[in-house]
Amino acid sequence: MQRLCAGIGGSFDLLPGILEGRTILVVQRRWLLASQVSAALGRKGARPLLANGANTDQLIAAAPNLSAAILDGNSFKLRSTLEARAVPYVLYTGYEQADDGCASITVVRKPATAQEIVAAVEQLLRRRSGS
């Protein structure tokens, strides 16, 4: 439940958002999009970790306190690593069959804005927390 307080010129959140203080892994080989998603996460209070290569992906995925991840369509090995750790992820891809037939994978289809991708992570974490 999110409460709003009316103030001069609009309303503001009294309670922190679902991303506040959470560490989110962003794996995206397109640097401009990665930086846009990172900035959008930061505005929501998250701590983004950026990775853009196979070696850094796996190292960062082992980081403690990962709350979620945003993966590009080429992150097949990383998906199993995160699944083994029960870290939820959003898959951002243009591939048609990216979900491998698994209904539990959250897929955001290209093209999408950084805000749409971050909104998908927020929804994923809300579903997981039951709020």
Protein backbone atom coordinates (compact mmCIF):
# COMPACT_ATOMS: atom_id res chain seq x y z
CA MET A 1 0.00 0.00 0.00
CA GLN A 2 1.38 3.37 -0.97
CA ARG A 3 0.14 6.51 0.73
CA LEU A 4 0.30 9.93 -0.83
CA CYS A 5 0.25 13.27 0.93
CA ALA A 6 -1.15 16.31 -0.84
CA GLY A 7 1.19 19.26 -0.72
CA ILE A 8 1.61 22.59 -2.40
CA GLY A 9 1.92 21.93 -6.10
CA GLY A 10 0.99 18.22 -5.95
CA SER A 11 1.53 15.14 -3.85
CA PHE A 12 4.54 13.16 -2.71
CA ASP A 13 5.24 9.69 -1.39
CA LEU A 14 5.40 9.25 2.37
CA LEU A 15 6.67 5.68 2.10
CA PRO A 16 9.73 4.63 0.13
CA GLY A 17 9.14 2.86 -3.17
CA ILE A 18 9.73 -0.83 -3.74
CA LEU A 19 13.16 -0.10 -5.29
CA GLU A 20 14.44 2.09 -2.46
CA GLY A 21 17.83 0.79 -1.28
CA ARG A 22 17.72 -2.33 -3.45
CA THR A 23 20.64 -3.51 -5.56
CA ILE A 24 19.62 -4.17 -9.16
CA LEU A 25 21.93 -5.78 -11.73
CA VAL A 26 21.65 -4.26 -15.22
CA VAL A 27 23.12 -6.36 -18.04
CA GLN A 28 22.88 -4.53 -21.31
CA ARG A 29 25.44 -4.44 -24.08
CA ARG A 30 24.09 -1.15 -25.46
CA TRP A 31 25.75 1.41 -23.20
CA LEU A 32 23.28 4.26 -23.84
CA LEU A 33 20.32 2.13 -22.80
CA ALA A 34 22.24 0.75 -19.80
CA SER A 35 23.01 4.26 -18.58
CA GLN A 36 19.38 5.37 -19.08
CA VAL A 37 18.07 2.38 -17.12
CA SER A 38 20.69 2.95 -14.42
CA ALA A 39 19.67 6.60 -14.08
CA ALA A 40 15.97 5.66 -13.91
CA LEU A 41 16.73 3.10 -11.18
CA GLY A 42 18.77 5.67 -9.26
CA ARG A 43 15.88 8.15 -9.35
CA LYS A 44 13.77 5.46 -7.66
CA GLY A 45 16.37 5.01 -4.90
CA ALA A 46 17.89 1.75 -6.21
CA ARG A 47 21.60 0.95 -6.42
CA PRO A 48 22.23 -0.23 -9.98
CA LEU A 49 25.19 -2.46 -10.86
CA LEU A 50 26.11 -2.29 -14.55
CA ALA A 51 27.63 -5.16 -16.51
CA ASN A 52 28.21 -5.38 -20.24
CA GLY A 53 30.24 -8.51 -20.83
CA ALA A 54 30.14 -12.22 -20.08
CA ASN A 55 32.95 -12.08 -17.51
CA THR A 56 31.60 -9.12 -15.56
CA ASP A 57 28.03 -10.47 -15.76
CA GLN A 58 28.91 -13.61 -13.83
CA LEU A 59 31.08 -11.80 -11.27
CA ILE A 60 28.45 -9.21 -10.49
CA ALA A 61 25.67 -11.83 -10.38
CA ALA A 62 27.55 -13.38 -7.46
CA ALA A 63 27.33 -10.10 -5.52
CA PRO A 64 25.51 -10.37 -2.21
CA ASN A 65 22.22 -8.57 -1.68
CA LEU A 66 21.06 -8.62 -5.30
CA SER A 67 17.34 -7.89 -5.27
CA ALA A 68 16.65 -8.26 -9.00
CA ALA A 69 18.22 -8.03 -12.43
CA ILE A 70 17.46 -6.62 -15.85
CA LEU A 71 18.97 -8.84 -18.54
CA ASP A 72 19.35 -8.45 -22.26
CA GLY A 73 18.33 -11.26 -24.60
CA ASN A 74 21.85 -12.74 -24.79
CA SER A 75 22.17 -13.50 -21.08
CA PHE A 76 21.35 -17.21 -21.20
CA LYS A 77 24.06 -18.45 -18.81
CA LEU A 78 23.38 -15.65 -16.39
CA ARG A 79 19.69 -16.53 -16.21
CA SER A 80 20.45 -19.94 -14.73
CA THR A 81 22.89 -18.38 -12.24
CA LEU A 82 20.24 -15.96 -11.03
CA GLU A 83 17.55 -18.65 -10.94
CA ALA A 84 19.80 -20.83 -8.76
CA ARG A 85 20.08 -17.90 -6.33
CA ALA A 86 16.33 -17.14 -6.53
CA VAL A 87 17.05 -13.64 -7.84
CA PRO A 88 14.12 -12.45 -9.98
CA TYR A 89 14.84 -10.84 -13.31
CA VAL A 90 13.26 -8.98 -16.18
CA LEU A 91 14.34 -10.00 -19.66
CA TYR A 92 14.57 -7.08 -22.11
CA THR A 93 14.70 -8.51 -25.60
CA GLY A 94 13.53 -8.41 -29.16
CA TYR A 95 13.68 -12.20 -29.48
CA GLU A 96 10.27 -13.77 -30.02
CA GLN A 97 10.90 -16.96 -27.98
CA ALA A 98 12.99 -15.45 -25.19
CA ASP A 99 10.89 -16.85 -22.36
CA ASP A 100 11.54 -20.52 -23.24
CA GLY A 101 7.84 -21.17 -22.69
CA CYS A 102 8.12 -20.34 -19.00
CA ALA A 103 5.23 -18.16 -17.84
CA SER A 104 7.12 -17.00 -14.73
CA ILE A 105 9.68 -15.00 -16.72
CA THR A 106 8.91 -11.30 -17.01
CA VAL A 107 9.69 -10.19 -20.56
CA VAL A 108 9.81 -6.59 -21.77
CA ARG A 109 9.83 -6.49 -25.55
CA LYS A 110 11.98 -4.06 -27.52
CA PRO A 111 11.58 -1.24 -28.05
CA ALA A 112 10.77 0.02 -24.56
CA THR A 113 11.84 3.06 -22.58
CA ALA A 114 14.03 2.93 -19.50
CA GLN A 115 10.98 3.90 -17.44
CA GLU A 116 8.98 0.97 -18.84
CA ILE A 117 11.79 -1.43 -18.01
CA VAL A 118 12.08 -0.08 -14.46
CA ALA A 119 8.29 -0.28 -14.04
CA ALA A 120 8.47 -3.98 -14.95
CA VAL A 121 11.08 -4.53 -12.21
CA GLU A 122 8.86 -2.70 -9.71
CA GLN A 123 5.89 -4.92 -10.65
CA LEU A 124 8.04 -8.04 -10.40
CA LEU A 125 9.25 -7.13 -6.90
CA ARG A 126 5.72 -6.21 -5.77
CA ARG A 127 4.42 -9.59 -6.95
CA ARG A 128 7.25 -11.30 -5.10
CA SER A 129 6.61 -9.38 -1.89
CA GLY A 130 2.85 -9.84 -2.11
CA SER A 131 2.09 -6.13 -1.94
